[in-house]
């Protein structure tokens, strides 16, 4: 069982930066690939970024590539999403998610554990 708690959301202006954090419980955090998803009002939840359980492998959706950076600190059971050059279209609830090593982890695939989300609002 993995419990995930997101933090760091807020209201910012276009062009600003935010860093989202996700704190994970459990002793086997390093054996999970981690992802960030977002859901805008009236839209489906979509994958934003992901980081594989092992190795320097990451995934980014086209809409955030070169602006967002995902990272993890296995010693601290944390995963982060650094978001730069934010746009109004980035406004959404952002969710942290975990999937076991060996399972698909990139794109809109099924993740097993989810946090409750943190709101990010970008004003123009």
N, C-alpha and C. Protein backbone atom coordinates (compact mmCIF):
# COMPACT_ATOMS: atom_id res chain seq x y z
N UNK A 1 0.85 -1.18 0.00
CA UNK A 1 0.00 0.00 0.00
C UNK A 1 0.89 1.24 0.00
N UNK A 2 0.54 2.19 -0.84
CA UNK A 2 1.27 3.46 -0.92
C UNK A 2 0.26 4.58 -0.74
N UNK A 3 0.54 5.48 0.18
CA UNK A 3 -0.31 6.64 0.36
C UNK A 3 0.43 7.86 -0.16
N UNK A 4 -0.29 8.70 -0.90
CA UNK A 4 0.32 9.84 -1.57
C UNK A 4 -0.38 11.12 -1.16
N UNK A 5 0.41 12.13 -0.83
CA UNK A 5 -0.14 13.43 -0.44
C UNK A 5 0.58 14.52 -1.23
N UNK A 6 -0.20 15.25 -2.03
CA UNK A 6 0.36 16.32 -2.84
C UNK A 6 0.32 17.64 -2.08
N UNK A 7 1.23 18.54 -2.45
CA UNK A 7 1.25 19.89 -1.90
C UNK A 7 1.94 20.82 -2.90
N UNK A 8 1.78 22.12 -2.68
CA UNK A 8 2.49 23.09 -3.49
C UNK A 8 1.65 23.82 -4.52
N UNK A 9 0.39 23.44 -4.64
CA UNK A 9 -0.46 24.13 -5.59
C UNK A 9 -0.78 25.55 -5.14
N UNK A 10 -1.40 26.32 -6.04
CA UNK A 10 -1.76 27.68 -5.68
C UNK A 10 -2.19 28.48 -6.88
N UNK A 11 -2.36 29.77 -6.65
CA UNK A 11 -2.76 30.71 -7.70
C UNK A 11 -1.54 31.52 -8.11
N UNK A 12 -1.21 31.46 -9.40
CA UNK A 12 -0.06 32.20 -9.91
C UNK A 12 -0.45 32.90 -11.20
N UNK A 13 0.45 33.76 -11.67
CA UNK A 13 0.21 34.43 -12.93
C UNK A 13 0.93 33.71 -14.07
N UNK A 14 0.47 33.94 -15.26
CA UNK A 14 1.12 33.35 -16.43
C UNK A 14 2.59 33.75 -16.45
N UNK A 15 3.44 32.76 -16.73
CA UNK A 15 4.88 32.98 -16.74
C UNK A 15 5.57 32.64 -15.44
N UNK A 16 4.80 32.49 -14.38
CA UNK A 16 5.38 32.14 -13.08
C UNK A 16 5.76 30.66 -13.01
N UNK A 17 6.38 30.31 -11.91
CA UNK A 17 6.78 28.92 -11.65
C UNK A 17 6.14 28.43 -10.36
N UNK A 18 5.97 27.12 -10.28
CA UNK A 18 5.50 26.44 -9.07
C UNK A 18 6.21 25.11 -8.99
N UNK A 19 6.41 24.64 -7.77
CA UNK A 19 6.92 23.28 -7.60
C UNK A 19 5.92 22.48 -6.77
N UNK A 20 5.43 21.42 -7.36
CA UNK A 20 4.55 20.51 -6.64
C UNK A 20 5.38 19.42 -5.99
N UNK A 21 4.94 19.02 -4.81
CA UNK A 21 5.60 17.94 -4.09
C UNK A 21 4.59 16.84 -3.82
N UNK A 22 5.08 15.63 -3.75
CA UNK A 22 4.24 14.48 -3.41
C UNK A 22 5.01 13.63 -2.41
N UNK A 23 4.43 13.51 -1.23
CA UNK A 23 5.02 12.70 -0.18
C UNK A 23 4.37 11.32 -0.20
N UNK A 24 5.19 10.29 -0.22
CA UNK A 24 4.69 8.92 -0.29
C UNK A 24 5.01 8.16 0.98
N UNK A 25 4.08 7.35 1.42
CA UNK A 25 4.32 6.48 2.56
C UNK A 25 4.78 5.12 2.04
N UNK A 26 5.29 4.30 2.92
CA UNK A 26 5.68 2.95 2.51
C UNK A 26 7.18 2.81 2.34
N UNK A 27 7.66 1.63 2.66
CA UNK A 27 9.10 1.39 2.63
C UNK A 27 9.61 1.00 1.26
N UNK A 28 8.72 0.74 0.29
CA UNK A 28 9.15 0.27 -1.02
C UNK A 28 8.93 1.32 -2.09
N UNK A 29 9.02 2.58 -1.70
CA UNK A 29 8.78 3.68 -2.64
C UNK A 29 9.66 3.56 -3.87
N UNK A 30 10.89 3.14 -3.70
CA UNK A 30 11.84 3.08 -4.81
C UNK A 30 11.47 2.03 -5.84
N UNK A 31 10.51 1.18 -5.54
CA UNK A 31 10.10 0.15 -6.49
C UNK A 31 8.82 0.54 -7.23
N UNK A 32 8.48 1.83 -7.19
CA UNK A 32 7.33 2.34 -7.91
C UNK A 32 7.74 3.40 -8.90
N UNK A 33 7.21 3.33 -10.09
CA UNK A 33 7.27 4.45 -11.00
C UNK A 33 6.22 5.46 -10.56
N UNK A 34 6.55 6.74 -10.72
CA UNK A 34 5.68 7.80 -10.23
C UNK A 34 5.24 8.70 -11.37
N UNK A 35 4.02 9.16 -11.29
CA UNK A 35 3.50 10.03 -12.33
C UNK A 35 2.75 11.21 -11.77
N UNK A 36 2.69 12.24 -12.58
CA UNK A 36 1.84 13.40 -12.30
C UNK A 36 0.79 13.46 -13.41
N UNK A 37 -0.45 13.61 -12.99
CA UNK A 37 -1.57 13.74 -13.91
C UNK A 37 -2.29 15.05 -13.57
N UNK A 38 -3.11 15.51 -14.51
CA UNK A 38 -3.91 16.70 -14.20
C UNK A 38 -5.29 16.57 -14.84
N UNK A 39 -6.23 17.24 -14.19
CA UNK A 39 -7.60 17.25 -14.70
C UNK A 39 -8.14 18.66 -14.64
N UNK A 40 -8.43 19.20 -15.80
CA UNK A 40 -9.01 20.53 -15.90
C UNK A 40 -10.53 20.42 -15.83
N UNK A 41 -11.21 21.47 -15.46
CA UNK A 41 -12.67 21.41 -15.36
C UNK A 41 -13.31 20.96 -16.67
N UNK A 42 -14.17 19.96 -16.56
CA UNK A 42 -14.88 19.47 -17.73
C UNK A 42 -14.07 18.59 -18.66
N UNK A 43 -12.85 18.26 -18.25
CA UNK A 43 -11.99 17.45 -19.11
C UNK A 43 -11.55 16.18 -18.38
N UNK A 44 -11.04 15.23 -19.15
CA UNK A 44 -10.55 13.98 -18.57
C UNK A 44 -9.18 14.20 -17.92
N UNK A 45 -8.87 13.33 -17.01
CA UNK A 45 -7.55 13.36 -16.37
C UNK A 45 -6.52 12.83 -17.36
N UNK A 46 -5.42 13.54 -17.50
CA UNK A 46 -4.39 13.16 -18.46
C UNK A 46 -3.01 13.15 -17.81
N UNK A 47 -2.14 12.36 -18.37
CA UNK A 47 -0.78 12.28 -17.86
C UNK A 47 0.01 13.52 -18.25
N UNK A 48 0.81 13.99 -17.32
CA UNK A 48 1.64 15.17 -17.53
C UNK A 48 3.11 14.77 -17.58
N UNK A 49 3.55 14.00 -16.60
CA UNK A 49 4.95 13.61 -16.51
C UNK A 49 5.04 12.33 -15.69
N UNK A 50 6.12 11.59 -15.89
CA UNK A 50 6.33 10.38 -15.12
C UNK A 50 7.82 10.10 -15.03
N UNK A 51 8.17 9.36 -13.99
CA UNK A 51 9.56 8.98 -13.79
C UNK A 51 9.61 7.51 -13.41
N UNK A 52 10.46 6.76 -14.10
CA UNK A 52 10.53 5.33 -13.90
C UNK A 52 11.10 5.00 -12.53
N UNK A 53 10.76 3.81 -12.05
CA UNK A 53 11.20 3.42 -10.72
C UNK A 53 12.71 3.35 -10.62
N UNK A 54 13.38 3.03 -11.74
CA UNK A 54 14.85 2.89 -11.72
C UNK A 54 15.42 3.51 -12.99
N UNK A 55 16.53 4.18 -12.81
CA UNK A 55 17.18 4.75 -14.00
C UNK A 55 16.68 6.13 -14.32
N UNK A 56 17.43 6.84 -15.06
CA UNK A 56 17.10 8.25 -15.36
C UNK A 56 16.10 8.38 -16.50
N UNK A 57 14.98 7.68 -16.38
CA UNK A 57 14.02 7.71 -17.47
C UNK A 57 12.80 8.50 -17.05
N UNK A 58 12.42 9.45 -17.92
CA UNK A 58 11.27 10.29 -17.66
C UNK A 58 10.38 10.36 -18.89
N UNK A 59 9.15 10.78 -18.64
CA UNK A 59 8.17 10.96 -19.71
C UNK A 59 7.51 12.32 -19.50
N UNK A 60 7.23 13.02 -20.60
CA UNK A 60 6.50 14.29 -20.52
C UNK A 60 5.48 14.33 -21.67
N UNK A 61 4.32 14.88 -21.39
CA UNK A 61 3.37 15.11 -22.45
C UNK A 61 3.88 16.27 -23.31
N UNK A 62 3.44 16.30 -24.53
CA UNK A 62 3.89 17.35 -25.45
C UNK A 62 3.57 18.75 -24.92
N UNK A 63 2.47 18.86 -24.20
CA UNK A 63 2.02 20.17 -23.75
C UNK A 63 2.91 20.78 -22.66
N UNK A 64 3.72 19.94 -21.99
CA UNK A 64 4.55 20.47 -20.91
C UNK A 64 6.04 20.26 -21.13
N UNK A 65 6.37 19.57 -22.19
CA UNK A 65 7.78 19.29 -22.48
C UNK A 65 8.55 20.59 -22.55
N UNK A 66 9.72 20.60 -21.98
CA UNK A 66 10.62 21.76 -21.93
C UNK A 66 10.19 22.83 -20.94
N UNK A 67 9.06 22.64 -20.27
CA UNK A 67 8.62 23.59 -19.23
C UNK A 67 8.56 22.94 -17.85
N UNK A 68 8.19 21.66 -17.81
CA UNK A 68 8.04 20.95 -16.55
C UNK A 68 9.17 19.95 -16.39
N UNK A 69 9.56 19.71 -15.14
CA UNK A 69 10.58 18.72 -14.83
C UNK A 69 10.13 17.87 -13.66
N UNK A 70 10.14 16.56 -13.85
CA UNK A 70 9.80 15.64 -12.77
C UNK A 70 11.09 15.10 -12.17
N UNK A 71 11.09 14.91 -10.86
CA UNK A 71 12.26 14.35 -10.18
C UNK A 71 11.77 13.57 -8.96
N UNK A 72 12.65 12.74 -8.42
CA UNK A 72 12.30 11.96 -7.24
C UNK A 72 13.48 11.88 -6.31
N UNK A 73 13.18 11.74 -5.04
CA UNK A 73 14.18 11.55 -4.00
C UNK A 73 13.75 10.31 -3.23
N UNK A 74 14.35 9.18 -3.58
CA UNK A 74 13.92 7.93 -2.97
C UNK A 74 14.25 7.87 -1.47
N UNK A 75 15.30 8.53 -1.07
CA UNK A 75 15.66 8.52 0.34
C UNK A 75 14.60 9.23 1.18
N UNK A 76 13.95 10.22 0.59
CA UNK A 76 12.94 11.00 1.30
C UNK A 76 11.51 10.59 0.94
N UNK A 77 11.36 9.61 0.07
CA UNK A 77 10.02 9.19 -0.40
C UNK A 77 9.25 10.36 -0.99
N UNK A 78 9.92 11.13 -1.84
CA UNK A 78 9.29 12.31 -2.42
C UNK A 78 9.41 12.29 -3.94
N UNK A 79 8.43 12.87 -4.59
CA UNK A 79 8.51 13.13 -6.02
C UNK A 79 8.05 14.57 -6.23
N UNK A 80 8.67 15.22 -7.21
CA UNK A 80 8.44 16.64 -7.43
C UNK A 80 8.07 16.91 -8.88
N UNK A 81 7.37 18.00 -9.07
CA UNK A 81 7.09 18.49 -10.42
C UNK A 81 7.39 19.98 -10.44
N UNK A 82 8.51 20.34 -11.05
CA UNK A 82 8.86 21.74 -11.22
C UNK A 82 8.18 22.25 -12.47
N UNK A 83 7.37 23.29 -12.31
CA UNK A 83 6.59 23.82 -13.43
C UNK A 83 7.02 25.26 -13.70
N UNK A 84 7.57 25.48 -14.86
CA UNK A 84 8.03 26.82 -15.26
C UNK A 84 7.19 27.35 -16.41
N UNK A 85 7.27 28.64 -16.61
CA UNK A 85 6.56 29.30 -17.73
C UNK A 85 5.10 28.86 -17.78
N UNK A 86 4.44 28.93 -16.65
CA UNK A 86 3.07 28.45 -16.56
C UNK A 86 2.13 29.25 -17.44
N UNK A 87 1.14 28.55 -17.97
CA UNK A 87 0.15 29.15 -18.86
C UNK A 87 -1.25 28.94 -18.26
N UNK A 88 -2.21 29.76 -18.65
CA UNK A 88 -3.58 29.54 -18.17
C UNK A 88 -4.09 28.13 -18.48
N UNK A 89 -3.65 27.54 -19.59
CA UNK A 89 -4.06 26.18 -19.95
C UNK A 89 -3.52 25.13 -18.98
N UNK A 90 -2.57 25.48 -18.15
CA UNK A 90 -2.06 24.55 -17.14
C UNK A 90 -2.97 24.48 -15.91
N UNK A 91 -3.98 25.31 -15.86
CA UNK A 91 -4.91 25.30 -14.73
C UNK A 91 -5.63 23.96 -14.64
N UNK A 92 -5.51 23.32 -13.48
CA UNK A 92 -6.09 21.99 -13.30
C UNK A 92 -5.84 21.54 -11.86
N UNK A 93 -6.47 20.44 -11.50
CA UNK A 93 -6.09 19.72 -10.29
C UNK A 93 -5.00 18.74 -10.69
N UNK A 94 -3.89 18.78 -9.97
CA UNK A 94 -2.76 17.91 -10.26
C UNK A 94 -2.71 16.76 -9.26
N UNK A 95 -2.56 15.56 -9.79
CA UNK A 95 -2.55 14.35 -8.98
C UNK A 95 -1.21 13.64 -9.10
N UNK A 96 -0.76 13.14 -7.99
CA UNK A 96 0.41 12.27 -7.94
C UNK A 96 -0.09 10.83 -7.94
N UNK A 97 0.64 9.94 -8.63
CA UNK A 97 0.21 8.55 -8.72
C UNK A 97 1.42 7.62 -8.74
N UNK A 98 1.18 6.38 -8.35
CA UNK A 98 2.24 5.38 -8.29
C UNK A 98 1.80 4.08 -8.95
N UNK A 99 2.76 3.45 -9.63
CA UNK A 99 2.51 2.15 -10.24
C UNK A 99 3.73 1.26 -10.00
N UNK A 100 3.46 -0.02 -9.81
CA UNK A 100 4.55 -0.93 -9.47
C UNK A 100 5.57 -1.07 -10.59
N UNK A 101 6.82 -1.29 -10.22
CA UNK A 101 7.88 -1.54 -11.19
C UNK A 101 7.48 -2.69 -12.09
N UNK A 102 7.82 -2.55 -13.37
CA UNK A 102 7.51 -3.60 -14.32
C UNK A 102 6.24 -3.37 -15.09
N UNK A 103 5.41 -2.47 -14.60
CA UNK A 103 4.18 -2.14 -15.30
C UNK A 103 4.39 -0.89 -16.16
N UNK A 104 3.51 -0.71 -17.11
CA UNK A 104 3.59 0.48 -17.96
C UNK A 104 3.50 1.72 -17.10
N UNK A 105 4.31 2.71 -17.46
CA UNK A 105 4.35 3.90 -16.61
C UNK A 105 4.28 5.21 -17.40
N UNK A 106 4.34 5.17 -18.71
CA UNK A 106 4.32 6.39 -19.51
C UNK A 106 2.95 6.61 -20.13
N UNK A 107 2.58 7.87 -20.21
CA UNK A 107 1.31 8.21 -20.85
C UNK A 107 0.11 7.92 -19.97
N UNK A 108 -1.04 7.84 -20.61
CA UNK A 108 -2.30 7.67 -19.89
C UNK A 108 -2.57 6.19 -19.62
N UNK A 109 -1.70 5.59 -18.84
CA UNK A 109 -1.86 4.19 -18.45
C UNK A 109 -2.44 4.13 -17.04
N UNK A 110 -2.79 2.93 -16.64
CA UNK A 110 -3.44 2.76 -15.35
C UNK A 110 -2.40 2.77 -14.24
N UNK A 111 -2.57 3.68 -13.29
CA UNK A 111 -1.76 3.73 -12.10
C UNK A 111 -2.56 3.17 -10.93
N UNK A 112 -1.86 2.59 -9.96
CA UNK A 112 -2.58 1.88 -8.89
C UNK A 112 -2.95 2.78 -7.73
N UNK A 113 -2.05 3.67 -7.34
CA UNK A 113 -2.30 4.51 -6.17
C UNK A 113 -2.35 5.98 -6.58
N UNK A 114 -3.24 6.70 -5.91
CA UNK A 114 -3.47 8.10 -6.27
C UNK A 114 -3.55 8.96 -5.03
N UNK A 115 -3.05 10.20 -5.15
CA UNK A 115 -3.29 11.19 -4.13
C UNK A 115 -4.62 11.87 -4.38
N UNK A 116 -4.94 12.83 -3.51
CA UNK A 116 -6.22 13.53 -3.62
C UNK A 116 -6.14 14.76 -4.51
N UNK A 117 -4.95 15.17 -4.85
CA UNK A 117 -4.79 16.27 -5.79
C UNK A 117 -4.52 17.60 -5.13
N UNK A 118 -3.94 18.50 -5.91
CA UNK A 118 -3.70 19.87 -5.46
C UNK A 118 -4.03 20.81 -6.62
N UNK A 119 -4.72 21.89 -6.30
CA UNK A 119 -5.21 22.81 -7.33
C UNK A 119 -4.10 23.76 -7.78
N UNK A 120 -3.96 23.88 -9.08
CA UNK A 120 -3.08 24.87 -9.68
C UNK A 120 -3.92 25.77 -10.57
N UNK A 121 -3.88 27.06 -10.31
CA UNK A 121 -4.63 28.02 -11.10
C UNK A 121 -3.67 29.07 -11.64
N UNK A 122 -3.69 29.24 -12.95
CA UNK A 122 -2.79 30.20 -13.60
C UNK A 122 -3.65 31.29 -14.24
N UNK A 123 -3.48 32.49 -13.79
CA UNK A 123 -4.25 33.61 -14.33
C UNK A 123 -3.48 34.29 -15.46
N UNK A 124 -4.24 34.86 -16.39
CA UNK A 124 -3.60 35.50 -17.55
C UNK A 124 -3.29 36.96 -17.28
